[in-house]
Protein backbone atom coordinates (compact mmCIF):
# COMPACT_ATOMS: atom_id res chain seq x y z
CA MET A 1 86.98 146.83 28.05
CA ASP A 2 87.18 147.84 24.40
CA PHE A 3 85.05 146.33 21.64
CA LYS A 4 87.80 144.26 20.03
CA THR A 5 88.85 142.71 23.34
CA ALA A 6 85.22 141.91 24.15
CA ALA A 7 84.74 140.36 20.69
CA ARG A 8 87.85 138.21 21.10
CA LEU A 9 86.65 136.91 24.47
CA VAL A 10 83.18 136.11 23.11
CA LEU A 11 84.57 134.30 20.07
CA GLU A 12 87.03 132.33 22.23
CA GLU A 13 84.15 131.23 24.46
CA VAL A 14 81.75 130.17 21.71
CA GLY A 15 84.42 128.62 19.51
CA HIS A 16 82.91 129.55 16.13
CA PRO A 17 82.20 132.65 14.01
CA LEU A 18 79.22 134.84 14.88
CA HIS A 19 77.38 137.79 13.39
CA TYR A 20 78.56 141.09 14.87
CA GLY A 21 75.10 141.62 16.39
CA ASP A 22 75.34 138.33 18.28
CA ILE A 23 78.89 139.13 19.39
CA THR A 24 77.64 142.46 20.74
CA GLU A 25 74.64 140.93 22.55
CA ILE A 26 76.77 138.27 24.24
CA ALA A 27 79.41 140.85 25.19
CA LEU A 28 76.76 143.07 26.78
CA GLU A 29 75.06 140.16 28.58
CA SER A 30 78.42 138.88 29.85
CA GLY A 31 79.40 142.30 31.16
CA TYR A 32 82.37 142.65 28.80
CA LEU A 33 80.87 145.88 27.46
CA LYS A 34 79.39 148.32 29.93
CA SER A 35 78.17 151.69 28.69
CA ALA A 36 78.15 150.91 24.99
CA GLY A 37 76.18 153.96 23.84
CA ARG A 38 73.07 153.97 21.67
CA THR A 39 74.34 151.85 18.78
CA PRO A 40 76.76 149.25 20.16
CA HIS A 41 76.07 146.87 17.25
CA ASN A 42 77.22 149.49 14.75
CA THR A 43 80.31 150.22 16.80
CA MET A 44 81.19 146.52 16.99
CA ARG A 45 80.72 146.14 13.22
CA ALA A 46 82.94 149.14 12.53
CA ARG A 47 85.71 148.05 14.92
CA LEU A 48 85.85 144.51 13.52
CA SER A 49 85.57 145.58 9.89
CA VAL A 50 88.37 148.13 10.15
CA ASP A 51 90.61 145.76 12.10
CA VAL A 52 90.23 142.97 9.53
CA ARG A 53 90.77 145.40 6.65
CA ASP A 54 93.70 147.42 8.02
CA ASN A 55 95.55 145.17 10.46
CA GLU A 56 97.50 142.24 9.00
CA GLU A 57 97.99 140.91 12.52
CA SER A 58 94.31 141.09 13.43
CA PRO A 59 93.12 138.05 15.39
CA PHE A 60 89.83 138.28 13.48
CA ARG A 61 88.71 137.04 10.08
CA GLN A 62 85.51 137.77 8.21
CA THR A 63 83.82 134.53 7.17
CA ALA A 64 80.67 136.01 5.58
CA PRO A 65 79.06 139.46 5.40
CA GLY A 66 78.80 140.65 9.01
CA VAL A 67 80.16 137.38 10.41
CA TYR A 68 83.50 137.28 12.23
CA GLY A 69 85.61 134.57 13.77
CA LEU A 70 89.11 134.14 15.10
CA LYS A 71 91.98 133.25 12.82
CA GLU A 72 93.41 129.77 13.32
CA GLY A 73 96.21 129.93 15.85
CA GLY A 74 95.20 133.48 16.72
CA PRO A 75 95.47 134.92 20.21
């Protein structure tokens, strides 16, 4: 599973925005991310940051520095 899909599942489950580090930890503990490499937190931050910045249809929104949630009515 890719990082953005894992983040979406985590955020749907918890129901509120989380710091990218917490999203990553929950995704790893839940088995959504398997072999995430040496710096999975940095990868999660990069994937979410770029998606919010470059994708108008991103399901994510940044609510504070390093904190991401799902857009209202998002997938």
